[in-house]
PDB file of N, CA and C in Angstrom:
ATOM      1  N   MET A   1     103.066  37.961 -20.393  1.00  0.00           N
ATOM      2  CA  MET A   1     102.651  36.582 -20.501  1.00  0.00           C
ATOM      3  C   MET A   1     102.877  36.133 -21.947  1.00  0.00           C
ATOM      4  N   LEU A   2     103.444  34.935 -22.075  1.00  0.00           N
ATOM      5  CA  LEU A   2     103.696  34.349 -23.385  1.00  0.00           C
ATOM      6  C   LEU A   2     103.127  32.948 -23.432  1.00  0.00           C
ATOM      7  N   ASN A   3     102.739  32.516 -24.610  1.00  0.00           N
ATOM      8  CA  ASN A   3     102.334  31.137 -24.834  1.00  0.00           C
ATOM      9  C   ASN A   3     103.365  30.551 -25.788  1.00  0.00           C
ATOM     10  N   LEU A   4     104.242  29.709 -25.268  1.00  0.00           N
ATOM     11  CA  LEU A   4     105.320  29.132 -26.074  1.00  0.00           C
ATOM     12  C   LEU A   4     105.242  27.611 -26.050  1.00  0.00           C
ATOM     13  N   HIS A   5     105.641  27.014 -27.153  1.00  0.00           N
ATOM     14  CA  HIS A   5     105.725  25.558 -27.221  1.00  0.00           C
ATOM     15  C   HIS A   5     107.172  25.124 -27.397  1.00  0.00           C
ATOM     16  N   ASP A   6     108.072  26.051 -27.311  1.00  0.00           N
ATOM     17  CA  ASP A   6     109.505  25.799 -27.430  1.00  0.00           C
ATOM     18  C   ASP A   6     110.097  25.908 -26.023  1.00  0.00           C
ATOM     19  N   VAL A   7     110.362  24.763 -25.408  1.00  0.00           N
ATOM     20  CA  VAL A   7     110.808  24.744 -24.016  1.00  0.00           C
ATOM     21  C   VAL A   7     112.132  25.482 -23.843  1.00  0.00           C
ATOM     22  N   ASP A   8     113.054  25.292 -24.763  1.00  0.00           N
ATOM     23  CA  ASP A   8     114.353  25.972 -24.638  1.00  0.00           C
ATOM     24  C   ASP A   8     114.182  27.489 -24.670  1.00  0.00           C
ATOM     25  N   LEU A   9     113.340  27.977 -25.546  1.00  0.00           N
ATOM     26  CA  LEU A   9     113.079  29.418 -25.610  1.00  0.00           C
ATOM     27  C   LEU A   9     112.393  29.887 -24.328  1.00  0.00           C
ATOM     28  N   ALA A  10     111.436  29.129 -23.851  1.00  0.00           N
ATOM     29  CA  ALA A  10     110.741  29.501 -22.616  1.00  0.00           C
ATOM     30  C   ALA A  10     111.717  29.585 -21.446  1.00  0.00           C
ATOM     31  N   ARG A  11     112.658  28.656 -21.382  1.00  0.00           N
ATOM     32  CA  ARG A  11     113.655  28.678 -20.303  1.00  0.00           C
ATOM     33  C   ARG A  11     114.510  29.947 -20.372  1.00  0.00           C
ATOM     34  N   ARG A  12     114.755  30.441 -21.581  1.00  0.00           N
ATOM     35  CA  ARG A  12     115.603  31.632 -21.737  1.00  0.00           C
ATOM     36  C   ARG A  12     114.862  32.933 -21.430  1.00  0.00           C
ATOM     37  N   VAL A  13     113.565  33.003 -21.702  1.00  0.00           N
ATOM     38  CA  VAL A  13     112.871  34.291 -21.612  1.00  0.00           C
ATOM     39  C   VAL A  13     111.847  34.401 -20.494  1.00  0.00           C
ATOM     40  N   ALA A  14     111.462  33.281 -19.897  1.00  0.00           N
ATOM     41  CA  ALA A  14     110.384  33.327 -18.892  1.00  0.00           C
ATOM     42  C   ALA A  14     110.911  33.109 -17.480  1.00  0.00           C
ATOM     43  N   ASP A  15     110.229  33.705 -16.525  1.00  0.00           N
ATOM     44  CA  ASP A  15     110.543  33.497 -15.111  1.00  0.00           C
ATOM     45  C   ASP A  15     109.775  32.306 -14.552  1.00  0.00           C
ATOM     46  N   ARG A  16     108.657  31.986 -15.171  1.00  0.00           N
ATOM     47  CA  ARG A  16     107.766  30.939 -14.673  1.00  0.00           C
ATOM     48  C   ARG A  16     107.244  30.145 -15.863  1.00  0.00           C
ATOM     49  N   MET A  17     107.054  28.836 -15.654  1.00  0.00           N
ATOM     50  CA  MET A  17     106.499  27.986 -16.707  1.00  0.00           C
ATOM     51  C   MET A  17     105.282  27.241 -16.173  1.00  0.00           C
ATOM     52  N   VAL A  18     104.289  27.124 -17.016  1.00  0.00           N
ATOM     53  CA  VAL A  18     103.083  26.365 -16.707  1.00  0.00           C
ATOM     54  C   VAL A  18     102.966  25.296 -17.777  1.00  0.00           C
ATOM     55  N   GLY A  19     102.842  24.053 -17.351  1.00  0.00           N
ATOM     56  CA  GLY A  19     102.686  22.949 -18.299  1.00  0.00           C
ATOM     57  C   GLY A  19     101.279  22.407 -18.229  1.00  0.00           C
ATOM     58  N   LEU A  20     100.616  22.342 -19.379  1.00  0.00           N
ATOM     59  CA  LEU A  20      99.267  21.804 -19.467  1.00  0.00           C
ATOM     60  C   LEU A  20      99.257  20.651 -20.460  1.00  0.00           C
ATOM     61  N   ARG A  21      98.504  19.622 -20.143  1.00  0.00           N
ATOM     62  CA  ARG A  21      98.344  18.511 -21.072  1.00  0.00           C
ATOM     63  C   ARG A  21      96.923  18.006 -20.954  1.00  0.00           C
ATOM     64  N   ALA A  22      96.267  17.942 -22.084  1.00  0.00           N
ATOM     65  CA  ALA A  22      94.875  17.471 -22.137  1.00  0.00           C
ATOM     66  C   ALA A  22      93.995  18.250 -21.165  1.00  0.00           C
ATOM     67  N   GLY A  23      94.258  19.545 -21.051  1.00  0.00           N
ATOM     68  CA  GLY A  23      93.451  20.390 -20.189  1.00  0.00           C
ATOM     69  C   GLY A  23      93.757  20.287 -18.714  1.00  0.00           C
ATOM     70  N   ARG A  24      94.788  19.539 -18.363  1.00  0.00           N
ATOM     71  CA  ARG A  24      95.164  19.366 -16.949  1.00  0.00           C
ATOM     72  C   ARG A  24      96.464  20.090 -16.660  1.00  0.00           C
ATOM     73  N   LEU A  25      96.514  20.680 -15.478  1.00  0.00           N
ATOM     74  CA  LEU A  25      97.726  21.338 -15.022  1.00  0.00           C
ATOM     75  C   LEU A  25      98.740  20.271 -14.632  1.00  0.00           C
ATOM     76  N   VAL A  26      99.903  20.292 -15.280  1.00  0.00           N
ATOM     77  CA  VAL A  26     100.971  19.344 -14.978  1.00  0.00           C
ATOM     78  C   VAL A  26     101.965  19.979 -14.017  1.00  0.00           C
ATOM     79  N   PHE A  27     102.312  21.234 -14.265  1.00  0.00           N
ATOM     80  CA  PHE A  27     103.180  21.953 -13.337  1.00  0.00           C
ATOM     81  C   PHE A  27     103.001  23.443 -13.515  1.00  0.00           C
ATOM     82  N   ASP A  28     103.336  24.186 -12.481  1.00  0.00           N
ATOM     83  CA  ASP A  28     103.326  25.645 -12.479  1.00  0.00           C
ATOM     84  C   ASP A  28     104.382  26.055 -11.475  1.00  0.00           C
ATOM     85  N   ARG A  29     105.555  26.450 -11.974  1.00  0.00           N
ATOM     86  CA  ARG A  29     106.666  26.765 -11.073  1.00  0.00           C
ATOM     87  C   ARG A  29     107.676  27.659 -11.761  1.00  0.00           C
ATOM     88  N   PRO A  30     108.600  28.207 -11.001  1.00  0.00           N
ATOM     89  CA  PRO A  30     109.667  28.998 -11.609  1.00  0.00           C
ATOM     90  C   PRO A  30     110.414  28.172 -12.657  1.00  0.00           C
ATOM     91  N   THR A  31     110.796  28.808 -13.722  1.00  0.00           N
ATOM     92  CA  THR A  31     111.477  28.122 -14.827  1.00  0.00           C
ATOM     93  C   THR A  31     112.682  27.326 -14.349  1.00  0.00           C
ATOM     94  N   THR A  32     113.419  27.864 -13.404  1.00  0.00           N
ATOM     95  CA  THR A  32     114.619  27.184 -12.915  1.00  0.00           C
ATOM     96  C   THR A  32     114.308  25.897 -12.162  1.00  0.00           C
ATOM     97  N   GLU A  33     113.049  25.708 -11.772  1.00  0.00           N
ATOM     98  CA  GLU A  33     112.662  24.513 -11.024  1.00  0.00           C
ATOM     99  C   GLU A  33     111.961  23.458 -11.863  1.00  0.00           C
ATOM    100  N   VAL A  34     111.758  23.721 -13.164  1.00  0.00           N
ATOM    101  CA  VAL A  34     111.117  22.747 -14.048  1.00  0.00           C
ATOM    102  C   VAL A  34     112.115  21.628 -14.313  1.00  0.00           C
ATOM    103  N   THR A  35     111.702  20.394 -14.042  1.00  0.00           N
ATOM    104  CA  THR A  35     112.585  19.241 -14.148  1.00  0.00           C
ATOM    105  C   THR A  35     112.340  18.438 -15.421  1.00  0.00           C
ATOM    106  N   ALA A  36     113.253  17.522 -15.679  1.00  0.00           N
ATOM    107  CA  ALA A  36     113.083  16.603 -16.806  1.00  0.00           C
ATOM    108  C   ALA A  36     111.826  15.759 -16.604  1.00  0.00           C
ATOM    109  N   SER A  37     111.528  15.404 -15.371  1.00  0.00           N
ATOM    110  CA  SER A  37     110.310  14.631 -15.081  1.00  0.00           C
ATOM    111  C   SER A  37     109.055  15.424 -15.423  1.00  0.00           C
ATOM    112  N   ASP A  38     109.072  16.722 -15.149  1.00  0.00           N
ATOM    113  CA  ASP A  38     107.937  17.575 -15.518  1.00  0.00           C
ATOM    114  C   ASP A  38     107.711  17.525 -17.018  1.00  0.00           C
ATOM    115  N   LEU A  39     108.793  17.681 -17.768  1.00  0.00           N
ATOM    116  CA  LEU A  39     108.683  17.701 -19.222  1.00  0.00           C
ATOM    117  C   LEU A  39     108.294  16.335 -19.773  1.00  0.00           C
ATOM    118  N   GLU A  40     108.740  15.275 -19.122  1.00  0.00           N
ATOM    119  CA  GLU A  40     108.366  13.925 -19.553  1.00  0.00           C
ATOM    120  C   GLU A  40     106.857  13.743 -19.486  1.00  0.00           C
ATOM    121  N   LEU A  41     106.235  14.321 -18.448  1.00  0.00           N
ATOM    122  CA  LEU A  41     104.781  14.224 -18.337  1.00  0.00           C
ATOM    123  C   LEU A  41     104.077  14.910 -19.499  1.00  0.00           C
ATOM    124  N   LEU A  42     104.721  15.918 -20.065  1.00  0.00           N
ATOM    125  CA  LEU A  42     104.116  16.613 -21.199  1.00  0.00           C
ATOM    126  C   LEU A  42     104.307  15.872 -22.508  1.00  0.00           C
ATOM    127  N   TYR A  43     105.452  15.229 -22.683  1.00  0.00           N
ATOM    128  CA  TYR A  43     105.823  14.714 -23.996  1.00  0.00           C
ATOM    129  C   TYR A  43     105.921  13.201 -24.120  1.00  0.00           C
ATOM    130  N   ALA A  44     105.839  12.460 -23.023  1.00  0.00           N
ATOM    131  CA  ALA A  44     105.953  11.005 -23.069  1.00  0.00           C
ATOM    132  C   ALA A  44     104.675  10.379 -23.612  1.00  0.00           C
ATOM    133  N   ASP A  45     104.643   9.077 -23.606  1.00  0.00           N
ATOM    134  CA  ASP A  45     103.477   8.306 -24.043  1.00  0.00           C
ATOM    135  C   ASP A  45     102.207   8.971 -23.520  1.00  0.00           C
ATOM    136  N   PRO A  46     101.322   9.355 -24.404  1.00  0.00           N
ATOM    137  CA  PRO A  46     100.155  10.138 -24.003  1.00  0.00           C
ATOM    138  C   PRO A  46      99.320   9.520 -22.890  1.00  0.00           C
ATOM    139  N   GLY A  47      99.150   8.226 -22.898  1.00  0.00           N
ATOM    140  CA  GLY A  47      98.304   7.623 -21.888  1.00  0.00           C
ATOM    141  C   GLY A  47      99.019   7.275 -20.606  1.00  0.00           C
ATOM    142  N   ARG A  48     100.150   6.663 -20.717  1.00  0.00           N
ATOM    143  CA  ARG A  48     100.807   6.088 -19.551  1.00  0.00           C
ATOM    144  C   ARG A  48     101.355   7.118 -18.564  1.00  0.00           C
ATOM    145  N   ALA A  49     102.195   8.030 -19.018  1.00  0.00           N
ATOM    146  CA  ALA A  49     102.834   8.977 -18.104  1.00  0.00           C
ATOM    147  C   ALA A  49     101.798   9.852 -17.403  1.00  0.00           C
ATOM    148  N   LEU A  50     100.838  10.348 -18.136  1.00  0.00           N
ATOM    149  CA  LEU A  50      99.836  11.219 -17.524  1.00  0.00           C
ATOM    150  C   LEU A  50      98.947  10.416 -16.586  1.00  0.00           C
ATOM    151  N   ALA A  51      98.550   9.215 -16.987  1.00  0.00           N
ATOM    152  CA  ALA A  51      97.713   8.386 -16.121  1.00  0.00           C
ATOM    153  C   ALA A  51      98.425   8.068 -14.819  1.00  0.00           C
ATOM    154  N   ASP A  52      99.715   7.760 -14.897  1.00  0.00           N
ATOM    155  CA  ASP A  52     100.499   7.484 -13.686  1.00  0.00           C
ATOM    156  C   ASP A  52     100.543   8.707 -12.777  1.00  0.00           C
ATOM    157  N   ALA A  53     100.735   9.883 -13.362  1.00  0.00           N
ATOM    158  CA  ALA A  53     100.826  11.100 -12.573  1.00  0.00           C
ATOM    159  C   ALA A  53      99.494  11.454 -11.917  1.00  0.00           C
ATOM    160  N   VAL A  54      98.408  11.273 -12.646  1.00  0.00           N
ATOM    161  CA  VAL A  54      97.084  11.542 -12.074  1.00  0.00           C
ATOM    162  C   VAL A  54      96.824  10.601 -10.915  1.00  0.00           C
ATOM    163  N   GLU A  55      97.138   9.330 -11.116  1.00  0.00           N
ATOM    164  CA  GLU A  55      96.938   8.341 -10.060  1.00  0.00           C
ATOM    165  C   GLU A  55      97.777   8.652  -8.831  1.00  0.00           C
ATOM    166  N   ALA A  56      98.999   9.121  -9.043  1.00  0.00           N
ATOM    167  CA  ALA A  56      99.884   9.454  -7.926  1.00  0.00           C
ATOM    168  C   ALA A  56      99.515  10.770  -7.266  1.00  0.00           C
ATOM    169  N   GLY A  57      98.645  11.552  -7.921  1.00  0.00           N
ATOM    170  CA  GLY A  57      98.228  12.826  -7.359  1.00  0.00           C
ATOM    171  C   GLY A  57      99.172  13.978  -7.632  1.00  0.00           C
ATOM    172  N   THR A  58     100.118  13.781  -8.577  1.00  0.00           N
ATOM    173  CA  THR A  58     101.050  14.867  -8.882  1.00  0.00           C
ATOM    174  C   THR A  58     100.511  15.801  -9.954  1.00  0.00           C
ATOM    175  N   VAL A  59      99.431  15.418 -10.614  1.00  0.00           N
ATOM    176  CA  VAL A  59      98.772  16.256 -11.608  1.00  0.00           C
ATOM    177  C   VAL A  59      97.359  16.472 -11.147  1.00  0.00           C
ATOM    178  N   ARG A  60      96.903  17.713 -11.241  1.00  0.00           N
ATOM    179  CA  ARG A  60      95.528  18.031 -10.818  1.00  0.00           C
ATOM    180  C   ARG A  60      94.602  17.985 -12.003  1.00  0.00           C
TER     181      ARG A  60
END
């Protein structure tokens, strides 16, 4: 198990990625299945992208 903040490195060395933002699970899936949309939820406008995802039910 590794804790990385470098997405490119994580893609090279990990089989699975878990994305957390503000204590919420954004995604947990095989590295090959992590999408640009997943990463946008982590790094986009702090309020808007996460609020939209929570409202849509894609973030727990």
